[in-house]
Amino acid sequence: MSEWQTVCDIEEIPLNGGCCALLRNQQVAVFRVQQGADQKLYAIDNFDPFSDANVISRGIVGSSKGRVVVASPIYKQHFCLGSGECLEDNVTLRTWDVRLSGHKVQVAI
């Protein structure tokens, strides 16, 4: 059974951007993405395996091949925010369950 940890207020995450949270010594990138009239939250590992740096939360959010992705700010690999898959290589980042409780963003740990 998962425990939900509050990360921040929804307004602290820029629209179509991300922030980083430390959950049990694991850096997690949390994104707030506008999709049509709705907003969706995503949580994915913050560690970029290509640059060996915790930078995914600073990446650029967009879409590629019909999927919502974040481009790593270092070498520009695209990671699907829903599945964690890298579109250019055979690498997958861990994804985390994320929800909105009132105005608080929570991640399952």
C-alpha atoms as a PDB file:
ATOM      1  CA  MET A   1       0.000   0.000   0.000  1.00  0.00           C
ATOM      2  CA  SER A   2       1.327   3.426  -0.960  1.00  0.00           C
ATOM      3  CA  GLU A   3       1.742   6.367   1.332  1.00  0.00           C
ATOM      4  CA  TRP A   4       1.014   9.802  -0.141  1.00  0.00           C
ATOM      5  CA  GLN A   5       3.550  12.541   0.566  1.00  0.00           C
ATOM      6  CA  THR A   6       2.695  16.185  -0.020  1.00  0.00           C
ATOM      7  CA  VAL A   7       5.242  17.827  -2.310  1.00  0.00           C
ATOM      8  CA  CYS A   8       3.989  21.396  -2.748  1.00  0.00           C
ATOM      9  CA  ASP A   9       1.033  23.610  -3.601  1.00  0.00           C
ATOM     10  CA  ILE A  10      -0.171  23.254  -7.208  1.00  0.00           C
ATOM     11  CA  GLU A  11       0.628  26.927  -7.901  1.00  0.00           C
ATOM     12  CA  GLU A  12       4.303  26.333  -7.041  1.00  0.00           C
ATOM     13  CA  ILE A  13       4.744  24.227 -10.182  1.00  0.00           C
ATOM     14  CA  PRO A  14       4.879  26.375 -13.327  1.00  0.00           C
ATOM     15  CA  LEU A  15       2.290  25.522 -15.954  1.00  0.00           C
ATOM     16  CA  ASN A  16       3.940  23.253 -18.546  1.00  0.00           C
ATOM     17  CA  GLY A  17       6.965  23.019 -16.282  1.00  0.00           C
ATOM     18  CA  GLY A  18       8.333  21.014 -13.408  1.00  0.00           C
ATOM     19  CA  CYS A  19       9.805  21.061  -9.944  1.00  0.00           C
ATOM     20  CA  CYS A  20      11.956  18.647  -7.987  1.00  0.00           C
ATOM     21  CA  ALA A  21      11.014  16.902  -4.743  1.00  0.00           C
ATOM     22  CA  LEU A  22      13.106  14.685  -2.474  1.00  0.00           C
ATOM     23  CA  LEU A  23      11.140  11.594  -1.426  1.00  0.00           C
ATOM     24  CA  ARG A  24      12.958   9.054   0.756  1.00  0.00           C
ATOM     25  CA  ASN A  25      16.349  10.059  -0.668  1.00  0.00           C
ATOM     26  CA  GLN A  26      15.001   9.820  -4.247  1.00  0.00           C
ATOM     27  CA  GLN A  27      14.732  12.932  -6.429  1.00  0.00           C
ATOM     28  CA  VAL A  28      11.418  13.044  -8.287  1.00  0.00           C
ATOM     29  CA  ALA A  29      10.505  15.511 -11.047  1.00  0.00           C
ATOM     30  CA  VAL A  30       6.856  16.619 -10.826  1.00  0.00           C
ATOM     31  CA  PHE A  31       5.235  18.298 -13.840  1.00  0.00           C
ATOM     32  CA  ARG A  32       1.998  20.254 -14.352  1.00  0.00           C
ATOM     33  CA  VAL A  33       0.912  20.078 -17.988  1.00  0.00           C
ATOM     34  CA  GLN A  34      -1.950  21.860 -19.746  1.00  0.00           C
ATOM     35  CA  GLN A  35      -3.807  19.417 -22.006  1.00  0.00           C
ATOM     36  CA  GLY A  36      -6.692  21.140 -23.739  1.00  0.00           C
ATOM     37  CA  ALA A  37      -8.953  22.577 -21.032  1.00  0.00           C
ATOM     38  CA  ASP A  38      -7.493  20.264 -18.377  1.00  0.00           C
ATOM     39  CA  GLN A  39      -4.284  20.165 -16.384  1.00  0.00           C
ATOM     40  CA  LYS A  40      -2.527  16.877 -15.666  1.00  0.00           C
ATOM     41  CA  LEU A  41       0.189  16.022 -13.155  1.00  0.00           C
ATOM     42  CA  TYR A  42       3.093  13.670 -13.855  1.00  0.00           C
ATOM     43  CA  ALA A  43       5.927  12.408 -11.669  1.00  0.00           C
ATOM     44  CA  ILE A  44       9.094  10.804 -13.024  1.00  0.00           C
ATOM     45  CA  ASP A  45      12.662  10.204 -11.816  1.00  0.00           C
ATOM     46  CA  ASN A  46      14.702  13.411 -11.850  1.00  0.00           C
ATOM     47  CA  PHE A  47      17.922  11.546 -12.738  1.00  0.00           C
ATOM     48  CA  ASP A  48      19.031  11.795 -16.374  1.00  0.00           C
ATOM     49  CA  PRO A  49      20.987   8.584 -17.125  1.00  0.00           C
ATOM     50  CA  PHE A  50      22.690  10.137 -20.164  1.00  0.00           C
ATOM     51  CA  SER A  51      24.301  13.033 -18.287  1.00  0.00           C
ATOM     52  CA  ASP A  52      24.391  11.395 -14.821  1.00  0.00           C
ATOM     53  CA  ALA A  53      22.749  14.516 -13.383  1.00  0.00           C
ATOM     54  CA  ASN A  54      19.493  15.242 -11.541  1.00  0.00           C
ATOM     55  CA  VAL A  55      18.064  17.660 -14.114  1.00  0.00           C
ATOM     56  CA  ILE A  56      14.871  16.234 -15.639  1.00  0.00           C
ATOM     57  CA  SER A  57      12.663  18.668 -13.670  1.00  0.00           C
ATOM     58  CA  ARG A  58      14.376  21.527 -15.577  1.00  0.00           C
ATOM     59  CA  GLY A  59      13.561  20.043 -18.977  1.00  0.00           C
ATOM     60  CA  ILE A  60      11.244  21.453 -21.617  1.00  0.00           C
ATOM     61  CA  VAL A  61       7.741  19.941 -21.751  1.00  0.00           C
ATOM     62  CA  GLY A  62       6.169  19.274 -25.129  1.00  0.00           C
ATOM     63  CA  SER A  63       4.768  16.496 -27.271  1.00  0.00           C
ATOM     64  CA  SER A  64       6.368  14.021 -29.630  1.00  0.00           C
ATOM     65  CA  LYS A  65       4.846  11.110 -31.503  1.00  0.00           C
ATOM     66  CA  GLY A  66       1.491  11.797 -29.811  1.00  0.00           C
ATOM     67  CA  ARG A  67       2.907  11.630 -26.285  1.00  0.00           C
ATOM     68  CA  VAL A  68       3.547  14.238 -23.602  1.00  0.00           C
ATOM     69  CA  VAL A  69       7.313  14.359 -23.098  1.00  0.00           C
ATOM     70  CA  VAL A  70      10.064  16.228 -21.326  1.00  0.00           C
ATOM     71  CA  ALA A  71      13.334  16.948 -23.127  1.00  0.00           C
ATOM     72  CA  SER A  72      16.370  16.596 -20.907  1.00  0.00           C
ATOM     73  CA  PRO A  73      18.111  19.971 -20.613  1.00  0.00           C
ATOM     74  CA  ILE A  74      21.562  18.435 -21.148  1.00  0.00           C
ATOM     75  CA  TYR A  75      21.549  16.147 -24.212  1.00  0.00           C
ATOM     76  CA  LYS A  76      17.878  16.630 -25.203  1.00  0.00           C
ATOM     77  CA  GLN A  77      16.641  13.026 -25.012  1.00  0.00           C
ATOM     78  CA  HIS A  78      12.843  12.923 -24.794  1.00  0.00           C
ATOM     79  CA  PHE A  79      11.178  10.999 -21.965  1.00  0.00           C
ATOM     80  CA  CYS A  80       7.467  10.162 -22.063  1.00  0.00           C
ATOM     81  CA  LEU A  81       5.940  11.594 -18.885  1.00  0.00           C
ATOM     82  CA  GLY A  82       3.287   8.861 -18.750  1.00  0.00           C
ATOM     83  CA  SER A  83       5.543   5.823 -19.124  1.00  0.00           C
ATOM     84  CA  GLY A  84       9.096   7.095 -18.483  1.00  0.00           C
ATOM     85  CA  GLU A  85      10.298   5.666 -21.826  1.00  0.00           C
ATOM     86  CA  CYS A  86      13.080   7.441 -23.688  1.00  0.00           C
ATOM     87  CA  LEU A  87      12.012   7.998 -27.309  1.00  0.00           C
ATOM     88  CA  GLU A  88      15.579   7.892 -28.651  1.00  0.00           C
ATOM     89  CA  ASP A  89      17.101   5.006 -26.689  1.00  0.00           C
ATOM     90  CA  ASN A  90      16.218   1.823 -24.801  1.00  0.00           C
ATOM     91  CA  VAL A  91      16.051   3.482 -21.355  1.00  0.00           C
ATOM     92  CA  THR A  92      13.050   3.950 -19.073  1.00  0.00           C
ATOM     93  CA  LEU A  93      12.805   6.232 -16.051  1.00  0.00           C
ATOM     94  CA  ARG A  94      10.615   5.277 -13.118  1.00  0.00           C
ATOM     95  CA  THR A  95       7.233   6.976 -12.978  1.00  0.00           C
ATOM     96  CA  TRP A  96       5.373   7.747  -9.762  1.00  0.00           C
ATOM     97  CA  ASP A  97       1.669   7.999  -8.974  1.00  0.00           C
ATOM     98  CA  VAL A  98       0.748  11.621  -8.384  1.00  0.00           C
ATOM     99  CA  ARG A  99      -2.504  13.304  -7.368  1.00  0.00           C
ATOM    100  CA  LEU A 100      -4.003  16.612  -6.359  1.00  0.00           C
ATOM    101  CA  SER A 101      -5.564  16.778  -2.894  1.00  0.00           C
ATOM    102  CA  GLY A 102      -7.230  20.163  -2.580  1.00  0.00           C
ATOM    103  CA  HIS A 103      -4.438  22.476  -3.757  1.00  0.00           C
ATOM    104  CA  LYS A 104      -1.651  20.129  -2.613  1.00  0.00           C
ATOM    105  CA  VAL A 105       0.328  17.945  -5.007  1.00  0.00           C
ATOM    106  CA  GLN A 106       1.018  14.500  -3.541  1.00  0.00           C
ATOM    107  CA  VAL A 107       3.251  11.665  -4.758  1.00  0.00           C
ATOM    108  CA  ALA A 108       2.862   8.001  -3.750  1.00  0.00           C
ATOM    109  CA  ILE A 109       5.935   6.577  -2.050  1.00  0.00           C
END
